[in-house]
């Protein structure tokens, strides 16, 4: 039966193993993070944690061997990587010795480097007869044979997440709230609007999956990355508050002409609110650059970055809801990035002026 190691934070690691009687077969690591076919990416943390739990549970090691397919025909004593007094040494020392010997075993004779430190290994466990199974003692989680593997997100993966990925993840969770991480019990929420709050790690989990081209539910985000998750969401334009805190009321910054316009109809107020929704502007601008290579006005073609430079040029472009959607701007309407236009400030005001005349 296949199991995986569960971290101290309750999240499963991408560290898989089989249990055969009193022996554990710890799977090797392979592939590159983010690529199809990558496996056991938490090999090091998982093996280290397993060794610590063997000691803490009252069990002990009675032997550790390499168990890769290419060495199974070699005598056990020649592929033993932990023996004698080493079997009772501290877990971190055991891990160090095992890693070094794995690497040396595959190194060509006379070569100064080479060999793998993440090979398949077999650990024989001396388990006291107390009727408690190894999987329970070592806090392992059973993995059904047809279950997809969830990977534990690494800090390096977070750098690929953009405001567009965050926006898409937020919209997905609003529509499919059952896909929130089941163990996301953070004290904090990302404020989506006055009625919707979402846990940061669930948003980032989906955003990372999209950023790396993987299917929904591929990644778990550990608790120790929560502050990085907050930064990603803040950079994408969202506010982070503790659970239960009230959302500060911020008036919509509108011109005098638009103020008169808003007073004439609730639908138009909703239109302006939508244009200023948390995260929307940054997501649309990043999406536009990704699709077109540069940020420019879709009406007049102005390229403000070329004129004013990258530091301030983006501020000249604003996000506008297509006027064909304005009559649908009731509460509950879901905004898609394809509904939006990138306009320079001048063109945006002209479009609003035309809408005021058309709808007054």
Protein backbone atom coordinates (compact mmCIF):
# COMPACT_ATOMS: atom_id res chain seq x y z
CA UNK A 1 0.00 0.00 0.00
CA UNK A 2 1.22 3.48 -0.82
CA UNK A 3 1.30 6.29 1.73
CA UNK A 4 2.68 9.82 1.88
CA UNK A 5 4.31 11.74 4.67
CA UNK A 6 2.20 14.46 6.26
CA UNK A 7 3.96 17.63 7.42
CA UNK A 8 3.75 18.98 10.94
CA UNK A 9 1.33 21.61 9.63
CA UNK A 10 -1.12 18.91 8.53
CA UNK A 11 -0.43 19.28 4.80
CA UNK A 12 0.68 16.23 2.81
CA UNK A 13 4.19 16.28 1.37
CA UNK A 14 5.04 15.02 -2.08
CA UNK A 15 6.99 12.22 -0.37
CA UNK A 16 5.57 8.76 -1.08
CA UNK A 17 6.42 5.34 0.29
CA UNK A 18 5.17 1.76 0.43
CA UNK A 19 4.82 -0.39 3.54
CA UNK A 20 5.64 -4.10 3.24
CA UNK A 21 5.40 -5.80 6.61
CA UNK A 22 8.08 -4.26 8.81
CA UNK A 23 9.80 -2.49 5.91
CA UNK A 24 9.28 0.94 4.34
CA UNK A 25 10.20 1.51 0.70
CA UNK A 26 10.77 5.25 0.31
CA UNK A 27 10.31 6.31 -3.32
CA UNK A 28 13.01 8.15 -5.26
CA UNK A 29 12.72 11.70 -6.51
CA UNK A 30 12.56 12.40 -10.23
CA UNK A 31 11.88 15.17 -12.72
CA UNK A 32 11.85 18.95 -12.42
CA UNK A 33 9.38 20.94 -10.37
CA UNK A 34 6.58 22.26 -12.54
CA UNK A 35 7.21 19.74 -15.33
CA UNK A 36 4.96 16.82 -16.24
CA UNK A 37 6.03 13.58 -14.57
CA UNK A 38 7.90 15.14 -11.67
CA UNK A 39 7.55 12.96 -8.56
CA UNK A 40 8.44 12.90 -4.88
CA UNK A 41 9.61 16.50 -4.97
CA UNK A 42 9.67 16.69 -1.14
CA UNK A 43 12.06 13.76 -0.89
CA UNK A 44 14.52 15.43 1.48
CA UNK A 45 12.04 17.01 3.93
CA UNK A 46 9.89 13.87 3.81
CA UNK A 47 12.71 11.41 4.55
CA UNK A 48 14.12 13.61 7.29
CA UNK A 49 10.70 13.88 8.93
CA UNK A 50 10.14 10.12 8.63
CA UNK A 51 13.43 9.39 10.42
CA UNK A 52 12.47 11.81 13.19
CA UNK A 53 9.10 10.12 13.65
CA UNK A 54 10.62 6.64 13.74
CA UNK A 55 12.67 7.80 16.73
CA UNK A 56 9.84 9.72 18.42
CA UNK A 57 7.37 6.82 18.07
CA UNK A 58 9.54 4.39 20.03
CA UNK A 59 10.49 2.42 16.91
CA UNK A 60 14.03 2.00 15.66
CA UNK A 61 15.89 1.20 12.46
CA UNK A 62 17.42 -2.24 12.06
CA UNK A 63 18.75 -1.68 8.54
CA UNK A 64 18.68 0.72 5.57
CA UNK A 65 19.54 -0.26 1.98
CA UNK A 66 19.45 1.19 -1.48
CA UNK A 67 16.51 -0.35 -3.33
CA UNK A 68 16.62 1.08 -6.85
CA UNK A 69 15.84 -1.29 -9.69
CA UNK A 70 19.43 -1.14 -10.94
CA UNK A 71 20.93 -2.38 -7.65
CA UNK A 72 18.50 -5.09 -6.54
CA UNK A 73 20.74 -7.87 -7.88
CA UNK A 74 23.63 -6.64 -5.73
CA UNK A 75 24.09 -8.31 -2.31
CA UNK A 76 22.36 -6.47 0.57
CA UNK A 77 25.58 -5.93 2.51
CA UNK A 78 27.10 -4.08 -0.49
CA UNK A 79 24.19 -1.65 -0.78
CA UNK A 80 23.65 -1.00 2.91
CA UNK A 81 23.81 2.74 3.64
CA UNK A 82 23.19 2.74 7.40
CA UNK A 83 24.50 0.13 9.79
CA UNK A 84 25.83 -0.63 13.28
CA UNK A 85 25.86 2.33 15.71
CA UNK A 86 24.61 4.60 12.91
CA UNK A 87 21.18 2.98 13.24
CA UNK A 88 20.76 4.55 16.68
CA UNK A 89 22.32 7.93 15.90
CA UNK A 90 20.31 11.16 15.76
CA UNK A 91 17.82 11.37 12.84
CA UNK A 92 19.56 14.37 11.24
CA UNK A 93 22.87 12.50 11.36
CA UNK A 94 21.22 9.41 9.87
CA UNK A 95 19.88 11.54 7.03
CA UNK A 96 23.32 13.04 6.37
CA UNK A 97 25.04 9.63 6.26
CA UNK A 98 22.37 8.12 4.03
CA UNK A 99 22.51 11.03 1.58
CA UNK A 100 26.29 10.91 1.30
CA UNK A 101 26.40 7.15 0.75
CA UNK A 102 23.63 7.27 -1.84
CA UNK A 103 25.64 9.81 -3.79
CA UNK A 104 28.91 7.90 -3.47
CA UNK A 105 27.26 4.66 -4.60
CA UNK A 106 26.41 6.07 -8.01
CA UNK A 107 29.59 8.08 -8.52
CA UNK A 108 31.98 6.83 -11.21
CA UNK A 109 35.33 5.61 -9.77
CA UNK A 110 37.77 8.49 -9.35
CA UNK A 111 35.17 11.15 -10.21
CA UNK A 112 35.14 14.18 -7.85
CA UNK A 113 31.39 14.57 -8.09
CA UNK A 114 28.26 12.92 -9.44
CA UNK A 115 25.71 10.44 -8.13
CA UNK A 116 22.21 10.97 -6.77
CA UNK A 117 21.21 11.73 -3.17
CA UNK A 118 17.49 11.07 -3.75
CA UNK A 119 17.32 7.35 -4.54
CA UNK A 120 14.79 4.72 -3.59
CA UNK A 121 15.66 3.23 -0.21
CA UNK A 122 14.35 0.40 1.97
CA UNK A 123 14.17 0.89 5.74
CA UNK A 124 13.56 -2.04 8.09
CA UNK A 125 11.70 -0.93 11.22
CA UNK A 126 11.87 -2.57 14.62
CA UNK A 127 8.32 -1.87 15.77
CA UNK A 128 7.31 -2.69 19.37
CA UNK A 129 4.38 -5.09 19.43
CA UNK A 130 1.76 -2.67 20.73
CA UNK A 131 -0.93 -3.27 18.06
CA UNK A 132 -0.43 0.22 16.59
CA UNK A 133 0.29 0.18 12.87
CA UNK A 134 3.32 1.89 11.34
CA UNK A 135 1.17 4.27 9.30
CA UNK A 136 -0.51 5.51 12.48
CA UNK A 137 2.73 5.81 14.45
CA UNK A 138 4.47 7.70 11.66
CA UNK A 139 1.47 9.93 10.79
CA UNK A 140 1.24 8.70 7.21
CA UNK A 141 -1.66 9.28 4.83
CA UNK A 142 -2.93 6.48 2.63
CA UNK A 143 -2.92 7.27 -1.11
CA UNK A 144 -5.46 5.38 -3.26
CA UNK A 145 -3.88 3.92 -6.38
CA UNK A 146 -5.94 6.17 -8.67
CA UNK A 147 -5.62 9.36 -6.59
CA UNK A 148 -3.85 12.37 -8.18
CA UNK A 149 -0.81 13.54 -6.25
CA UNK A 150 -1.01 16.96 -4.65
CA UNK A 151 2.30 18.76 -4.50
CA UNK A 152 3.47 21.00 -1.73
CA UNK A 153 4.20 24.41 -3.16
CA UNK A 154 7.79 25.66 -2.87
CA UNK A 155 8.79 29.28 -2.41
CA UNK A 156 10.42 29.29 -5.85
CA UNK A 157 7.04 28.44 -7.43
CA UNK A 158 5.45 31.60 -6.05
CA UNK A 159 7.57 33.90 -8.22
CA UNK A 160 5.64 32.77 -11.30
CA UNK A 161 2.29 33.99 -9.96
CA UNK A 162 0.99 37.21 -11.55
CA UNK A 163 -1.99 39.45 -10.81
CA UNK A 164 -3.78 37.79 -13.73
CA UNK A 165 -3.34 34.33 -12.15
CA UNK A 166 -4.64 35.70 -8.84
CA UNK A 167 -7.70 37.27 -10.48
CA UNK A 168 -8.53 34.03 -12.30
CA UNK A 169 -8.15 32.05 -9.06
CA UNK A 170 -10.47 34.44 -7.20
CA UNK A 171 -13.14 34.20 -9.87
CA UNK A 172 -12.85 30.40 -9.89
CA UNK A 173 -13.29 30.15 -6.11
CA UNK A 174 -16.28 32.47 -6.16
CA UNK A 175 -17.94 30.14 -8.66
CA UNK A 176 -16.67 26.88 -7.10
CA UNK A 177 -16.28 27.49 -3.34
CA UNK A 178 -16.09 23.74 -2.66
CA UNK A 179 -12.54 23.85 -4.11
CA UNK A 180 -11.18 25.85 -1.18
CA UNK A 181 -8.33 23.98 0.52
CA UNK A 182 -9.96 21.78 3.18
CA UNK A 183 -7.28 22.62 5.74
CA UNK A 184 -7.15 26.37 5.10
CA UNK A 185 -7.89 27.70 8.60
CA UNK A 186 -5.99 30.97 8.37
CA UNK A 187 -6.74 33.91 10.68
CA UNK A 188 -6.76 36.14 7.60
CA UNK A 189 -8.97 36.73 4.58
CA UNK A 190 -8.47 38.46 1.25
CA UNK A 191 -11.22 41.03 0.74
CA UNK A 192 -12.77 40.49 -2.68
CA UNK A 193 -15.72 42.85 -2.22
CA UNK A 194 -18.10 43.93 0.53
CA UNK A 195 -19.75 40.50 0.55
CA UNK A 196 -16.97 38.06 -0.33
CA UNK A 197 -13.85 37.08 1.59
CA UNK A 198 -11.52 34.22 0.65
CA UNK A 199 -8.60 32.55 2.49
CA UNK A 200 -5.25 33.61 0.97
CA UNK A 201 -3.65 30.16 0.71
CA UNK A 202 -6.58 28.74 -1.27
CA UNK A 203 -6.28 31.60 -3.78
CA UNK A 204 -2.53 31.18 -4.16
CA UNK A 205 -2.85 27.38 -4.50
CA UNK A 206 -5.03 27.81 -7.59
CA UNK A 207 -2.91 30.67 -8.91
CA UNK A 208 0.29 28.58 -8.68
CA UNK A 209 -1.42 25.68 -10.47
CA UNK A 210 -2.35 27.98 -13.37
CA UNK A 211 1.04 29.70 -13.41
CA UNK A 212 2.81 26.34 -13.81
CA UNK A 213 0.26 24.96 -16.27
CA UNK A 214 -1.05 22.28 -13.93
CA UNK A 215 -4.62 21.23 -13.26
CA UNK A 216 -6.68 22.66 -10.39
CA UNK A 217 -5.95 21.03 -7.04
CA UNK A 218 -2.36 20.10 -7.87
CA UNK A 219 -0.77 22.21 -5.15
CA UNK A 220 -1.10 22.58 -1.40
CA UNK A 221 0.32 25.76 0.11
CA UNK A 222 1.99 25.20 3.50
CA UNK A 223 1.30 27.49 6.43
CA UNK A 224 4.88 28.75 6.56
CA UNK A 225 4.38 30.55 3.21
CA UNK A 226 1.33 32.52 4.41
CA UNK A 227 3.13 35.86 4.62
CA UNK A 228 4.38 35.39 1.06
CA UNK A 229 0.81 34.63 0.01
CA UNK A 230 -0.29 37.90 1.62
CA UNK A 231 2.36 39.80 -0.33
CA UNK A 232 1.30 38.21 -3.62
CA UNK A 233 -2.33 39.16 -3.01
CA UNK A 234 -1.49 42.70 -1.91
CA UNK A 235 0.72 43.17 -4.98
CA UNK A 236 -2.27 42.02 -7.06
CA UNK A 237 -4.41 44.76 -5.51
CA UNK A 238 -6.27 42.92 -2.72
CA UNK A 239 -6.60 43.89 0.94
CA UNK A 240 -5.79 41.34 3.66
CA UNK A 241 -7.67 41.54 6.97
CA UNK A 242 -8.01 39.33 10.02
CA UNK A 243 -11.17 37.28 10.21
CA UNK A 244 -13.99 39.31 11.72
CA UNK A 245 -12.42 42.71 11.02
CA UNK A 246 -14.73 45.14 9.27
CA UNK A 247 -13.91 46.29 5.76
CA UNK A 248 -12.99 50.00 5.73
CA UNK A 249 -15.44 52.07 3.72
CA UNK A 250 -13.71 53.87 0.86
CA UNK A 251 -15.68 56.22 -1.42
CA UNK A 252 -15.27 55.68 -5.15
CA UNK A 253 -13.04 58.44 -6.58
CA UNK A 254 -15.15 59.88 -9.41
CA UNK A 255 -15.30 63.11 -11.34
CA UNK A 256 -18.04 65.73 -10.90
CA UNK A 257 -19.60 64.70 -14.23
CA UNK A 258 -19.64 61.04 -13.23
CA UNK A 259 -21.06 61.97 -9.81
CA UNK A 260 -24.13 63.50 -11.47
CA UNK A 261 -24.33 60.45 -13.71
CA UNK A 262 -24.19 58.05 -10.75
CA UNK A 263 -26.95 59.89 -8.91
CA UNK A 264 -29.20 59.16 -11.87
CA UNK A 265 -29.04 55.36 -11.78
CA UNK A 266 -27.89 52.49 -9.56
CA UNK A 267 -26.69 50.44 -12.54
CA UNK A 268 -24.19 53.14 -13.41
CA UNK A 269 -22.88 53.20 -9.86
CA UNK A 270 -22.34 49.45 -10.05
CA UNK A 271 -20.50 50.01 -13.35
CA UNK A 272 -17.99 52.33 -11.68
CA UNK A 273 -17.65 50.01 -8.68
CA UNK A 274 -16.84 47.12 -10.99
CA UNK A 275 -14.16 49.12 -12.79
CA UNK A 276 -12.47 49.67 -9.44
CA UNK A 277 -12.91 46.11 -8.09
CA UNK A 278 -9.98 44.80 -6.06
CA UNK A 279 -7.32 43.25 -8.27
CA UNK A 280 -9.14 43.95 -11.52
CA UNK A 281 -6.99 46.72 -13.01
CA UNK A 282 -3.64 44.99 -12.42
CA UNK A 283 -4.93 41.66 -13.70
CA UNK A 284 -6.27 43.21 -16.92
CA UNK A 285 -3.11 45.20 -17.56
CA UNK A 286 -0.88 42.13 -17.07
CA UNK A 287 -3.18 40.09 -19.30
CA UNK A 288 -3.02 42.76 -22.02
CA UNK A 289 0.78 42.90 -21.92
CA UNK A 290 0.99 39.09 -22.07
CA UNK A 291 -1.28 38.99 -25.12
CA UNK A 292 -0.02 42.07 -26.98
CA UNK A 293 3.54 42.60 -25.76
CA UNK A 294 3.00 46.15 -24.45
CA UNK A 295 0.40 48.22 -22.62
CA UNK A 296 -1.39 50.74 -24.83
CA UNK A 297 -4.77 52.40 -25.25
CA UNK A 298 -7.14 50.21 -27.25
CA UNK A 299 -8.89 53.28 -28.63
CA UNK A 300 -6.19 55.73 -29.73
CA UNK A 301 -3.12 53.46 -29.59
CA UNK A 302 -1.22 55.58 -27.03
CA UNK A 303 1.83 53.72 -25.63
CA UNK A 304 2.45 55.60 -22.36
CA UNK A 305 5.42 53.48 -21.35
CA UNK A 306 7.26 54.51 -24.52
CA UNK A 307 6.51 58.17 -23.78
CA UNK A 308 6.78 58.41 -19.99
CA UNK A 309 8.88 55.35 -19.13
CA UNK A 310 8.08 52.09 -17.27
CA UNK A 311 8.05 53.64 -13.80
CA UNK A 312 4.96 55.83 -14.33
CA UNK A 313 3.67 55.03 -17.81
CA UNK A 314 1.27 52.27 -16.67
CA UNK A 315 -0.60 54.83 -14.55
CA UNK A 316 -1.90 56.48 -17.75
CA UNK A 317 -3.90 53.37 -18.68
CA UNK A 318 -7.24 52.69 -16.97
CA UNK A 319 -9.59 49.72 -17.13
CA UNK A 320 -13.08 50.17 -18.58
CA UNK A 321 -16.06 47.83 -18.72
CA UNK A 322 -17.38 47.36 -22.24
CA UNK A 323 -20.56 49.39 -22.63
CA UNK A 324 -22.37 46.35 -24.04
CA UNK A 325 -22.25 44.95 -20.51
CA UNK A 326 -23.39 47.98 -18.62
CA UNK A 327 -27.06 47.01 -18.45
CA UNK A 328 -26.04 43.63 -16.97
CA UNK A 329 -24.15 45.16 -14.05
CA UNK A 330 -26.52 43.89 -11.38
CA UNK A 331 -25.21 42.39 -8.16
CA UNK A 332 -23.82 38.91 -8.80
CA UNK A 333 -22.55 39.68 -12.31
CA UNK A 334 -19.16 38.01 -12.77
CA UNK A 335 -16.58 40.17 -14.48
CA UNK A 336 -14.28 38.48 -16.99
CA UNK A 337 -11.03 40.08 -18.16
CA UNK A 338 -12.33 39.76 -21.72
CA UNK A 339 -15.18 42.15 -20.76
CA UNK A 340 -12.67 44.94 -20.22
CA UNK A 341 -10.75 47.46 -22.27
CA UNK A 342 -7.47 49.21 -21.55
CA UNK A 343 -7.95 52.91 -22.26
CA UNK A 344 -5.83 55.99 -21.70
CA UNK A 345 -7.32 58.48 -19.22
CA UNK A 346 -8.51 60.80 -22.00
CA UNK A 347 -10.28 58.09 -23.99
CA UNK A 348 -11.79 56.66 -20.81
CA UNK A 349 -13.39 60.02 -20.01
CA UNK A 350 -14.67 60.38 -23.56
CA UNK A 351 -16.25 56.90 -23.37
CA UNK A 352 -17.95 57.84 -20.08
CA UNK A 353 -19.20 61.09 -21.59
CA UNK A 354 -20.75 59.18 -24.48
CA UNK A 355 -22.38 56.72 -22.09
CA UNK A 356 -23.81 59.57 -20.02
CA UNK A 357 -25.43 61.07 -23.12
CA UNK A 358 -26.66 57.71 -24.38
CA UNK A 359 -28.18 56.58 -21.08
CA UNK A 360 -29.46 59.88 -19.69
